[in-house]
PDB file of N, CA and C in Angstrom:
ATOM      1  N   MET A   1     -10.435  45.399 158.160  1.00  0.00           N
ATOM      2  CA  MET A   1     -10.244  44.838 158.806  1.00  0.00           C
ATOM      3  C   MET A   1     -10.470  43.027 159.117  1.00  0.00           C
ATOM      4  N   LEU A   2     -11.258  42.690 158.156  1.00  0.00           N
ATOM      5  CA  LEU A   2     -11.443  41.420 157.842  1.00  0.00           C
ATOM      6  C   LEU A   2     -11.335  41.183 156.682  1.00  0.00           C
ATOM      7  N   SER A   3      -9.807  41.516 156.104  1.00  0.00           N
ATOM      8  CA  SER A   3      -9.410  41.623 154.723  1.00  0.00           C
ATOM      9  C   SER A   3      -8.218  40.019 154.562  1.00  0.00           C
ATOM     10  N   TRP A   4      -8.149  39.655 155.809  1.00  0.00           N
ATOM     11  CA  TRP A   4      -7.503  38.364 155.822  1.00  0.00           C
ATOM     12  C   TRP A   4      -8.527  37.041 155.409  1.00  0.00           C
ATOM     13  N   LEU A   5      -9.702  37.132 155.889  1.00  0.00           N
ATOM     14  CA  LEU A   5     -10.687  36.586 155.706  1.00  0.00           C
ATOM     15  C   LEU A   5     -11.377  36.245 154.391  1.00  0.00           C
ATOM     16  N   SER A   6     -11.040  37.291 153.828  1.00  0.00           N
ATOM     17  CA  SER A   6     -11.543  37.656 152.173  1.00  0.00           C
ATOM     18  C   SER A   6     -10.673  37.025 151.312  1.00  0.00           C
ATOM     19  N   GLY A   7      -9.136  37.011 151.719  1.00  0.00           N
ATOM     20  CA  GLY A   7      -8.466  36.316 150.984  1.00  0.00           C
ATOM     21  C   GLY A   7      -8.105  34.672 150.926  1.00  0.00           C
ATOM     22  N   ALA A   8      -8.505  34.520 152.340  1.00  0.00           N
ATOM     23  CA  ALA A   8      -8.788  33.146 152.700  1.00  0.00           C
ATOM     24  C   ALA A   8     -10.045  32.383 151.804  1.00  0.00           C
ATOM     25  N   PHE A   9     -11.202  33.033 151.957  1.00  0.00           N
ATOM     26  CA  PHE A   9     -12.341  32.554 151.359  1.00  0.00           C
ATOM     27  C   PHE A   9     -11.689  32.642 149.614  1.00  0.00           C
ATOM     28  N   SER A  10     -11.317  33.430 149.346  1.00  0.00           N
ATOM     29  CA  SER A  10     -10.790  33.766 147.558  1.00  0.00           C
ATOM     30  C   SER A  10      -9.715  32.646 147.218  1.00  0.00           C
ATOM     31  N   ALA A  11      -8.940  32.404 148.299  1.00  0.00           N
ATOM     32  CA  ALA A  11      -8.167  31.035 147.638  1.00  0.00           C
ATOM     33  C   ALA A  11      -8.389  29.837 147.808  1.00  0.00           C
ATOM     34  N   LEU A  12     -10.063  29.860 149.091  1.00  0.00           N
ATOM     35  CA  LEU A  12     -10.298  28.312 149.060  1.00  0.00           C
ATOM     36  C   LEU A  12     -11.396  28.493 147.978  1.00  0.00           C
ATOM     37  N   PHE A  13     -12.266  29.438 147.410  1.00  0.00           N
ATOM     38  CA  PHE A  13     -12.943  28.863 146.058  1.00  0.00           C
ATOM     39  C   PHE A  13     -12.026  29.070 144.956  1.00  0.00           C
ATOM     40  N   GLY A  14     -11.088  29.485 144.698  1.00  0.00           N
ATOM     41  CA  GLY A  14     -10.034  29.251 143.774  1.00  0.00           C
ATOM     42  C   GLY A  14      -9.451  27.980 144.014  1.00  0.00           C
ATOM     43  N   PHE A  15      -9.453  27.468 144.663  1.00  0.00           N
ATOM     44  CA  PHE A  15      -8.988  25.711 144.962  1.00  0.00           C
ATOM     45  C   PHE A  15     -10.186  24.978 144.711  1.00  0.00           C
ATOM     46  N   PHE A  16     -11.363  25.711 145.111  1.00  0.00           N
ATOM     47  CA  PHE A  16     -12.242  24.370 144.712  1.00  0.00           C
ATOM     48  C   PHE A  16     -12.532  24.329 143.381  1.00  0.00           C
ATOM     49  N   GLU A  17     -12.540  25.656 142.253  1.00  0.00           N
ATOM     50  CA  GLU A  17     -12.793  25.685 141.334  1.00  0.00           C
ATOM     51  C   GLU A  17     -11.814  24.957 140.243  1.00  0.00           C
ATOM     52  N   CYS A  18     -10.684  25.086 140.688  1.00  0.00           N
ATOM     53  CA  CYS A  18      -9.368  24.226 140.195  1.00  0.00           C
ATOM     54  C   CYS A  18      -9.825  22.604 140.157  1.00  0.00           C
ATOM     55  N   LEU A  19     -10.264  22.322 141.412  1.00  0.00           N
ATOM     56  CA  LEU A  19     -10.905  20.706 141.694  1.00  0.00           C
ATOM     57  C   LEU A  19     -11.761  20.416 140.786  1.00  0.00           C
ATOM     58  N   LEU A  20     -12.839  21.597 140.515  1.00  0.00           N
ATOM     59  CA  LEU A  20     -13.806  21.120 139.866  1.00  0.00           C
ATOM     60  C   LEU A  20     -13.553  20.812 138.415  1.00  0.00           C
ATOM     61  N   LEU A  21     -12.633  21.780 137.898  1.00  0.00           N
ATOM     62  CA  LEU A  21     -12.094  21.883 136.587  1.00  0.00           C
ATOM     63  C   LEU A  21     -11.718  20.371 136.204  1.00  0.00           C
ATOM     64  N   TYR A  22     -10.551  19.963 137.253  1.00  0.00           N
ATOM     65  CA  TYR A  22      -9.669  18.472 137.155  1.00  0.00           C
ATOM     66  C   TYR A  22     -10.606  17.500 137.358  1.00  0.00           C
ATOM     67  N   LEU A  23     -11.815  17.725 137.867  1.00  0.00           N
ATOM     68  CA  LEU A  23     -13.014  16.313 138.077  1.00  0.00           C
ATOM     69  C   LEU A  23     -13.428  16.292 136.500  1.00  0.00           C
ATOM     70  N   VAL A  24     -14.064  17.740 135.947  1.00  0.00           N
ATOM     71  CA  VAL A  24     -14.291  17.518 134.586  1.00  0.00           C
ATOM     72  C   VAL A  24     -13.555  17.170 133.922  1.00  0.00           C
ATOM     73  N   GLY A  25     -12.305  17.418 133.570  1.00  0.00           N
ATOM     74  CA  GLY A  25     -11.792  17.017 132.881  1.00  0.00           C
ATOM     75  C   GLY A  25     -10.982  15.349 132.792  1.00  0.00           C
ATOM     76  N   ALA A  26     -11.331  14.713 133.934  1.00  0.00           N
ATOM     77  CA  ALA A  26     -11.069  13.358 134.380  1.00  0.00           C
ATOM     78  C   ALA A  26     -12.103  12.682 133.895  1.00  0.00           C
ATOM     79  N   ILE A  27     -13.662  13.181 134.154  1.00  0.00           N
ATOM     80  CA  ILE A  27     -14.683  12.521 133.655  1.00  0.00           C
ATOM     81  C   ILE A  27     -14.380  12.552 132.041  1.00  0.00           C
ATOM     82  N   GLU A  28     -14.243  13.543 131.559  1.00  0.00           N
ATOM     83  CA  GLU A  28     -14.115  13.723 129.910  1.00  0.00           C
ATOM     84  C   GLU A  28     -13.160  12.784 129.655  1.00  0.00           C
ATOM     85  N   TRP A  29     -11.885  12.498 130.216  1.00  0.00           N
ATOM     86  CA  TRP A  29     -10.697  11.769 129.617  1.00  0.00           C
ATOM     87  C   TRP A  29     -11.640  10.092 129.929  1.00  0.00           C
ATOM     88  N   VAL A  30     -12.240   9.694 130.914  1.00  0.00           N
ATOM     89  CA  VAL A  30     -12.973   8.388 130.872  1.00  0.00           C
ATOM     90  C   VAL A  30     -13.887   8.193 129.977  1.00  0.00           C
ATOM     91  N   LEU A  31     -14.980   9.190 130.078  1.00  0.00           N
ATOM     92  CA  LEU A  31     -15.619   8.599 128.593  1.00  0.00           C
ATOM     93  C   LEU A  31     -14.859   8.672 127.414  1.00  0.00           C
ATOM     94  N   ILE A  32     -13.932   9.555 127.087  1.00  0.00           N
ATOM     95  CA  ILE A  32     -13.366   9.509 125.621  1.00  0.00           C
ATOM     96  C   ILE A  32     -12.791   7.919 125.771  1.00  0.00           C
ATOM     97  N   THR A  33     -12.030   7.486 126.407  1.00  0.00           N
ATOM     98  CA  THR A  33     -11.305   6.137 126.815  1.00  0.00           C
ATOM     99  C   THR A  33     -12.358   5.094 126.582  1.00  0.00           C
ATOM    100  N   VAL A  34     -13.626   5.271 127.373  1.00  0.00           N
ATOM    101  CA  VAL A  34     -14.744   4.051 127.024  1.00  0.00           C
ATOM    102  C   VAL A  34     -14.663   3.939 126.026  1.00  0.00           C
ATOM    103  N   PHE A  35     -15.154   5.610 125.236  1.00  0.00           N
ATOM    104  CA  PHE A  35     -15.869   5.450 123.632  1.00  0.00           C
ATOM    105  C   PHE A  35     -14.814   4.511 122.592  1.00  0.00           C
ATOM    106  N   ASN A  36     -13.640   5.247 122.737  1.00  0.00           N
ATOM    107  CA  ASN A  36     -12.541   4.279 122.281  1.00  0.00           C
ATOM    108  C   ASN A  36     -12.203   2.861 122.345  1.00  0.00           C
ATOM    109  N   LEU A  37     -12.626   2.827 123.556  1.00  0.00           N
ATOM    110  CA  LEU A  37     -12.526   0.874 123.638  1.00  0.00           C
ATOM    111  C   LEU A  37     -13.584   0.323 123.124  1.00  0.00           C
ATOM    112  N   VAL A  38     -15.233   1.155 123.223  1.00  0.00           N
ATOM    113  CA  VAL A  38     -16.057   0.759 122.398  1.00  0.00           C
ATOM    114  C   VAL A  38     -15.821   0.390 121.041  1.00  0.00           C
ATOM    115  N   ILE A  39     -15.569   1.506 120.558  1.00  0.00           N
ATOM    116  CA  ILE A  39     -14.777   1.223 118.966  1.00  0.00           C
ATOM    117  C   ILE A  39     -14.048   0.326 118.674  1.00  0.00           C
ATOM    118  N   ALA A  40     -12.606  -0.049 119.427  1.00  0.00           N
ATOM    119  CA  ALA A  40     -11.878  -1.160 119.258  1.00  0.00           C
ATOM    120  C   ALA A  40     -12.846  -2.468 119.523  1.00  0.00           C
ATOM    121  N   ALA A  41     -13.768  -2.254 120.562  1.00  0.00           N
ATOM    122  CA  ALA A  41     -14.064  -3.780 120.461  1.00  0.00           C
ATOM    123  C   ALA A  41     -14.799  -4.161 119.295  1.00  0.00           C
ATOM    124  N   LEU A  42     -15.536  -3.174 118.682  1.00  0.00           N
ATOM    125  CA  LEU A  42     -16.336  -3.516 117.407  1.00  0.00           C
ATOM    126  C   LEU A  42     -15.330  -3.889 116.535  1.00  0.00           C
ATOM    127  N   GLY A  43     -14.737  -3.332 116.606  1.00  0.00           N
ATOM    128  CA  GLY A  43     -13.598  -3.357 115.472  1.00  0.00           C
ATOM    129  C   GLY A  43     -13.003  -4.595 115.186  1.00  0.00           C
ATOM    130  N   ALA A  44     -12.647  -5.280 116.347  1.00  0.00           N
ATOM    131  CA  ALA A  44     -12.142  -6.467 116.896  1.00  0.00           C
ATOM    132  C   ALA A  44     -13.402  -7.545 116.461  1.00  0.00           C
ATOM    133  N   CYS A  45     -14.371  -7.309 116.757  1.00  0.00           N
ATOM    134  CA  CYS A  45     -15.456  -8.434 116.796  1.00  0.00           C
ATOM    135  C   CYS A  45     -15.765  -8.138 115.196  1.00  0.00           C
ATOM    136  N   LEU A  46     -15.713  -7.402 114.607  1.00  0.00           N
ATOM    137  CA  LEU A  46     -15.907  -7.123 113.105  1.00  0.00           C
ATOM    138  C   LEU A  46     -15.150  -7.477 111.963  1.00  0.00           C
ATOM    139  N   GLY A  47     -13.769  -7.479 112.651  1.00  0.00           N
ATOM    140  CA  GLY A  47     -12.693  -7.548 111.606  1.00  0.00           C
ATOM    141  C   GLY A  47     -12.767  -9.345 110.965  1.00  0.00           C
ATOM    142  N   PRO A  48     -13.310  -9.970 112.314  1.00  0.00           N
ATOM    143  CA  PRO A  48     -13.013 -11.533 111.312  1.00  0.00           C
ATOM    144  C   PRO A  48     -14.369 -11.749 110.470  1.00  0.00           C
ATOM    145  N   LEU A  49     -15.693 -10.926 110.800  1.00  0.00           N
ATOM    146  CA  LEU A  49     -16.537 -10.982 110.079  1.00  0.00           C
ATOM    147  C   LEU A  49     -16.523 -10.338 108.582  1.00  0.00           C
ATOM    148  N   LEU A  50     -15.548  -9.516 108.678  1.00  0.00           N
ATOM    149  CA  LEU A  50     -15.423  -8.946 107.596  1.00  0.00           C
ATOM    150  C   LEU A  50     -14.643  -9.425 106.325  1.00  0.00           C
ATOM    151  N   ALA A  51     -13.417 -10.180 107.161  1.00  0.00           N
ATOM    152  CA  ALA A  51     -12.509 -11.505 106.604  1.00  0.00           C
ATOM    153  C   ALA A  51     -13.424 -12.368 106.165  1.00  0.00           C
ATOM    154  N   LEU A  52     -14.103 -12.717 106.232  1.00  0.00           N
ATOM    155  CA  LEU A  52     -15.062 -14.027 105.908  1.00  0.00           C
ATOM    156  C   LEU A  52     -15.495 -13.540 104.340  1.00  0.00           C
ATOM    157  N   LEU A  53     -15.798 -12.397 104.003  1.00  0.00           N
ATOM    158  CA  LEU A  53     -16.423 -11.933 102.652  1.00  0.00           C
ATOM    159  C   LEU A  53     -15.340 -12.167 101.486  1.00  0.00           C
ATOM    160  N   PRO A  54     -16.216 -12.707 100.539  1.00  0.00           N
ATOM    161  CA  PRO A  54     -15.146 -12.755  99.396  1.00  0.00           C
ATOM    162  C   PRO A  54     -14.734 -11.421  98.632  1.00  0.00           C
ATOM    163  N   SER A  55     -13.228 -11.855  98.202  1.00  0.00           N
ATOM    164  CA  SER A  55     -12.851 -10.539  97.804  1.00  0.00           C
ATOM    165  C   SER A  55     -13.175 -10.388  96.176  1.00  0.00           C
ATOM    166  N   VAL A  56     -13.325  -9.085  95.864  1.00  0.00           N
ATOM    167  CA  VAL A  56     -14.001  -8.870  94.644  1.00  0.00           C
ATOM    168  C   VAL A  56     -13.240  -7.868  93.818  1.00  0.00           C
ATOM    169  N   THR A  57     -12.626  -8.389  92.718  1.00  0.00           N
ATOM    170  CA  THR A  57     -11.582  -7.464  91.486  1.00  0.00           C
ATOM    171  C   THR A  57     -12.698  -7.158  90.544  1.00  0.00           C
ATOM    172  N   LEU A  58     -12.441  -5.600  90.469  1.00  0.00           N
ATOM    173  CA  LEU A  58     -13.132  -5.142  89.548  1.00  0.00           C
ATOM    174  C   LEU A  58     -12.139  -4.713  88.262  1.00  0.00           C
ATOM    175  N   PRO A  59     -13.004  -4.951  87.330  1.00  0.00           N
ATOM    176  CA  PRO A  59     -11.858  -4.485  86.234  1.00  0.00           C
ATOM    177  C   PRO A  59     -11.687  -2.896  86.063  1.00  0.00           C
ATOM    178  N   SER A  60     -10.350  -2.264  85.630  1.00  0.00           N
ATOM    179  CA  SER A  60     -10.138  -1.155  85.296  1.00  0.00           C
ATOM    180  C   SER A  60     -10.776  -0.072  84.788  1.00  0.00           C
ATOM    181  N   LEU A  61     -10.992   0.792  84.958  1.00  0.00           N
ATOM    182  CA  LEU A  61     -11.791   1.826  84.289  1.00  0.00           C
ATOM    183  C   LEU A  61     -10.694   2.946  83.883  1.00  0.00           C
ATOM    184  N   SER A  62     -10.876   3.309  82.607  1.00  0.00           N
ATOM    185  CA  SER A  62     -10.134   4.688  82.225  1.00  0.00           C
ATOM    186  C   SER A  62     -11.050   5.419  81.810  1.00  0.00           C
ATOM    187  N   LEU A  63     -10.771   6.480  82.465  1.00  0.00           N
ATOM    188  CA  LEU A  63     -11.527   7.767  82.030  1.00  0.00           C
ATOM    189  C   LEU A  63     -10.749   8.855  81.233  1.00  0.00           C
ATOM    190  N   GLY A  64     -11.614   9.448  80.382  1.00  0.00           N
ATOM    191  CA  GLY A  64     -10.997  10.047  79.331  1.00  0.00           C
ATOM    192  C   GLY A  64     -10.358  11.323  80.121  1.00  0.00           C
ATOM    193  N   SER A  65      -9.668  12.011  78.993  1.00  0.00           N
ATOM    194  CA  SER A  65      -8.693  13.220  79.159  1.00  0.00           C
ATOM    195  C   SER A  65      -9.822  14.679  80.245  1.00  0.00           C
ATOM    196  N   PHE A  66     -11.292  14.442  79.397  1.00  0.00           N
ATOM    197  CA  PHE A  66     -11.820  15.732  80.291  1.00  0.00           C
ATOM    198  C   PHE A  66     -11.953  15.446  81.730  1.00  0.00           C
ATOM    199  N   VAL A  67     -11.527  14.322  82.109  1.00  0.00           N
ATOM    200  CA  VAL A  67     -11.807  14.257  83.861  1.00  0.00           C
ATOM    201  C   VAL A  67     -10.621  15.337  84.285  1.00  0.00           C
ATOM    202  N   ALA A  68      -9.485  14.914  83.735  1.00  0.00           N
ATOM    203  CA  ALA A  68      -8.328  15.428  84.329  1.00  0.00           C
ATOM    204  C   ALA A  68      -8.346  17.139  84.271  1.00  0.00           C
ATOM    205  N   GLY A  69      -9.418  17.654  82.904  1.00  0.00           N
ATOM    206  CA  GLY A  69      -9.392  18.855  82.711  1.00  0.00           C
ATOM    207  C   GLY A  69     -10.341  19.570  83.511  1.00  0.00           C
ATOM    208  N   ALA A  70     -11.215  18.673  84.281  1.00  0.00           N
ATOM    209  CA  ALA A  70     -12.537  19.138  84.893  1.00  0.00           C
ATOM    210  C   ALA A  70     -11.915  18.846  86.469  1.00  0.00           C
ATOM    211  N   ASN A  71     -11.081  18.169  86.987  1.00  0.00           N
ATOM    212  CA  ASN A  71     -10.562  17.967  88.215  1.00  0.00           C
ATOM    213  C   ASN A  71      -9.478  19.536  88.327  1.00  0.00           C
ATOM    214  N   TYR A  72      -9.254  19.845  87.359  1.00  0.00           N
ATOM    215  CA  TYR A  72      -8.168  21.221  87.413  1.00  0.00           C
ATOM    216  C   TYR A  72      -9.201  22.266  87.789  1.00  0.00           C
ATOM    217  N   PHE A  73     -10.185  22.384  87.759  1.00  0.00           N
ATOM    218  CA  PHE A  73     -11.188  23.461  88.200  1.00  0.00           C
ATOM    219  C   PHE A  73     -11.999  22.980  89.393  1.00  0.00           C
ATOM    220  N   PHE A  74     -12.332  21.945  89.276  1.00  0.00           N
ATOM    221  CA  PHE A  74     -13.378  21.259  90.499  1.00  0.00           C
ATOM    222  C   PHE A  74     -12.632  19.922  91.226  1.00  0.00           C
ATOM    223  N   PRO A  75     -12.219  20.228  92.584  1.00  0.00           N
ATOM    224  CA  PRO A  75     -11.341  18.917  92.572  1.00  0.00           C
ATOM    225  C   PRO A  75     -12.587  17.841  92.920  1.00  0.00           C
ATOM    226  N   ILE A  76     -12.074  16.986  92.310  1.00  0.00           N
ATOM    227  CA  ILE A  76     -13.545  16.161  91.841  1.00  0.00           C
ATOM    228  C   ILE A  76     -13.515  14.711  93.364  1.00  0.00           C
ATOM    229  N   ASP A  77     -12.290  14.771  93.718  1.00  0.00           N
ATOM    230  CA  ASP A  77     -12.476  13.676  95.073  1.00  0.00           C
ATOM    231  C   ASP A  77     -12.873  14.158  95.898  1.00  0.00           C
ATOM    232  N   VAL A  78     -12.751  15.487  96.570  1.00  0.00           N
ATOM    233  CA  VAL A  78     -13.216  16.224  97.432  1.00  0.00           C
ATOM    234  C   VAL A  78     -14.797  16.049  97.320  1.00  0.00           C
ATOM    235  N   LEU A  79     -15.146  16.505  95.999  1.00  0.00           N
ATOM    236  CA  LEU A  79     -16.838  16.533  95.667  1.00  0.00           C
ATOM    237  C   LEU A  79     -17.130  15.231  95.889  1.00  0.00           C
ATOM    238  N   MET A  80     -16.455  13.901  95.468  1.00  0.00           N
ATOM    239  CA  MET A  80     -17.240  12.707  95.693  1.00  0.00           C
ATOM    240  C   MET A  80     -17.121  12.242  97.163  1.00  0.00           C
ATOM    241  N   THR A  81     -16.359  12.689  97.928  1.00  0.00           N
ATOM    242  CA  THR A  81     -16.348  12.628  99.261  1.00  0.00           C
ATOM    243  C   THR A  81     -17.657  13.092 100.416  1.00  0.00           C
ATOM    244  N   ILE A  82     -17.859  14.631  99.547  1.00  0.00           N
ATOM    245  CA  ILE A  82     -18.997  15.415 100.124  1.00  0.00           C
ATOM    246  C   ILE A  82     -20.334  14.752 100.048  1.00  0.00           C
ATOM    247  N   LEU A  83     -20.141  14.052  98.463  1.00  0.00           N
ATOM    248  CA  LEU A  83     -21.476  13.227  98.085  1.00  0.00           C
ATOM    249  C   LEU A  83     -21.823  11.886  98.868  1.00  0.00           C
ATOM    250  N   ALA A  84     -20.753  11.317  98.951  1.00  0.00           N
ATOM    251  CA  ALA A  84     -20.479  10.207  99.847  1.00  0.00           C
ATOM    252  C   ALA A  84     -21.099  10.375 101.294  1.00  0.00           C
ATOM    253  N   ILE A  85     -21.015  11.319 102.006  1.00  0.00           N
ATOM    254  CA  ILE A  85     -21.640  11.740 103.160  1.00  0.00           C
ATOM    255  C   ILE A  85     -22.839  12.326 103.061  1.00  0.00           C
ATOM    256  N   ALA A  86     -23.138  13.286 102.072  1.00  0.00           N
ATOM    257  CA  ALA A  86     -24.302  14.140 102.330  1.00  0.00           C
ATOM    258  C   ALA A  86     -25.891  13.097 101.565  1.00  0.00           C
ATOM    259  N   LEU A  87     -25.278  12.153 100.712  1.00  0.00           N
ATOM    260  CA  LEU A  87     -26.363  11.373 100.281  1.00  0.00           C
ATOM    261  C   LEU A  87     -27.034  10.387 101.301  1.00  0.00           C
ATOM    262  N   PRO A  88     -26.036   9.814 101.972  1.00  0.00           N
ATOM    263  CA  PRO A  88     -26.981   8.749 103.213  1.00  0.00           C
ATOM    264  C   PRO A  88     -27.299   9.714 103.973  1.00  0.00           C
ATOM    265  N   VAL A  89     -26.973  10.719 104.487  1.00  0.00           N
ATOM    266  CA  VAL A  89     -27.841  11.960 105.367  1.00  0.00           C
ATOM    267  C   VAL A  89     -29.287  12.431 104.899  1.00  0.00           C
ATOM    268  N   TYR A  90     -28.975  12.439 103.634  1.00  0.00           N
ATOM    269  CA  TYR A  90     -30.286  13.013 102.609  1.00  0.00           C
ATOM    270  C   TYR A  90     -31.180  12.089 102.787  1.00  0.00           C
ATOM    271  N   LEU A  91     -30.661  11.202 102.439  1.00  0.00           N
ATOM    272  CA  LEU A  91     -31.780   9.597 102.246  1.00  0.00           C
ATOM    273  C   LEU A  91     -32.420   9.177 103.918  1.00  0.00           C
ATOM    274  N   LEU A  92     -31.394   9.115 104.580  1.00  0.00           N
ATOM    275  CA  LEU A  92     -32.075   8.997 106.196  1.00  0.00           C
ATOM    276  C   LEU A  92     -32.881   9.842 106.832  1.00  0.00           C
ATOM    277  N   LEU A  93     -32.664  11.383 106.413  1.00  0.00           N
ATOM    278  CA  LEU A  93     -33.203  12.258 107.027  1.00  0.00           C
ATOM    279  C   LEU A  93     -34.850  11.912 107.564  1.00  0.00           C
ATOM    280  N   PRO A  94     -35.569  11.924 106.346  1.00  0.00           N
ATOM    281  CA  PRO A  94     -36.955  11.409 106.652  1.00  0.00           C
ATOM    282  C   PRO A  94     -37.155  10.041 107.465  1.00  0.00           C
ATOM    283  N   ILE A  95     -36.637   9.288 107.986  1.00  0.00           N
ATOM    284  CA  ILE A  95     -36.447   8.117 108.708  1.00  0.00           C
ATOM    285  C   ILE A  95     -36.224   8.828 109.988  1.00  0.00           C
ATOM    286  N   ILE A  96     -35.315   9.363 110.133  1.00  0.00           N
ATOM    287  CA  ILE A  96     -34.990  10.177 111.466  1.00  0.00           C
ATOM    288  C   ILE A  96     -35.995  10.986 111.642  1.00  0.00           C
ATOM    289  N   ARG A  97     -36.487  11.708 111.056  1.00  0.00           N
ATOM    290  CA  ARG A  97     -37.808  12.539 111.420  1.00  0.00           C
ATOM    291  C   ARG A  97     -38.762  11.773 112.060  1.00  0.00           C
ATOM    292  N   THR A  98     -38.943  10.990 111.508  1.00  0.00           N
ATOM    293  CA  THR A  98     -40.377   9.741 111.441  1.00  0.00           C
ATOM    294  C   THR A  98     -40.018   9.362 113.081  1.00  0.00           C
ATOM    295  N   VAL A  99     -38.805   8.547 113.296  1.00  0.00           N
ATOM    296  CA  VAL A  99     -38.206   8.124 114.425  1.00  0.00           C
ATOM    297  C   VAL A  99     -38.767   9.287 115.677  1.00  0.00           C
ATOM    298  N   LEU A 100     -37.710  10.391 115.100  1.00  0.00           N
ATOM    299  CA  LEU A 100     -37.869  11.529 116.376  1.00  0.00           C
ATOM    300  C   LEU A 100     -39.470  12.023 116.607  1.00  0.00           C
ATOM    301  N   ARG A 101     -40.247  12.088 115.601  1.00  0.00           N
ATOM    302  CA  ARG A 101     -41.937  12.452 115.727  1.00  0.00           C
ATOM    303  C   ARG A 101     -42.204  11.460 116.971  1.00  0.00           C
ATOM    304  N   TRP A 102     -42.055  10.037 116.773  1.00  0.00           N
ATOM    305  CA  TRP A 102     -42.727   8.925 117.400  1.00  0.00           C
ATOM    306  C   TRP A 102     -41.794   9.131 118.843  1.00  0.00           C
ATOM    307  N   LEU A 103     -40.673   9.410 119.018  1.00  0.00           N
ATOM    308  CA  LEU A 103     -40.257   9.752 120.348  1.00  0.00           C
ATOM    309  C   LEU A 103     -40.954  11.001 120.960  1.00  0.00           C
ATOM    310  N   LYS A 104     -40.949  11.748 120.661  1.00  0.00           N
ATOM    311  CA  LYS A 104     -41.664  13.093 120.855  1.00  0.00           C
ATOM    312  C   LYS A 104     -43.353  12.990 121.360  1.00  0.00           C
ATOM    313  N   VAL A 105     -43.964  12.016 120.361  1.00  0.00           N
ATOM    314  CA  VAL A 105     -45.360  12.050 121.055  1.00  0.00           C
ATOM    315  C   VAL A 105     -45.298  10.901 122.107  1.00  0.00           C
ATOM    316  N   SER A 106     -44.039   9.714 122.214  1.00  0.00           N
ATOM    317  CA  SER A 106     -44.447   8.761 123.183  1.00  0.00           C
ATOM    318  C   SER A 106     -44.269   9.471 124.615  1.00  0.00           C
ATOM    319  N   MET A 107     -43.604  10.278 124.668  1.00  0.00           N
ATOM    320  CA  MET A 107     -43.254  10.987 126.243  1.00  0.00           C
ATOM    321  C   MET A 107     -43.962  12.162 126.688  1.00  0.00           C
TER     322      MET A 107
END
């Protein structure tokens, strides 16, 4: 008897669902765009400052043939990248914990 009414409500709720998903996507796009613009602005501000630093020439370092052999079994470049990421995180972790504890206490 009222099947046309349930069909109309179903279509209306489907429209509102699509509209909500579109708005969420639009907000996400705006936030990502603003974040990218902030990063570009920081790069534009820091670029000239970094250009003022003197250039450094380091002497050439020759590694032994054992490094090539070790690189065959263990990818040294990947290990160095992981170390470059993990070491600062490991060293900053106590500072971050302390700051978070202070924030927890103050709230």
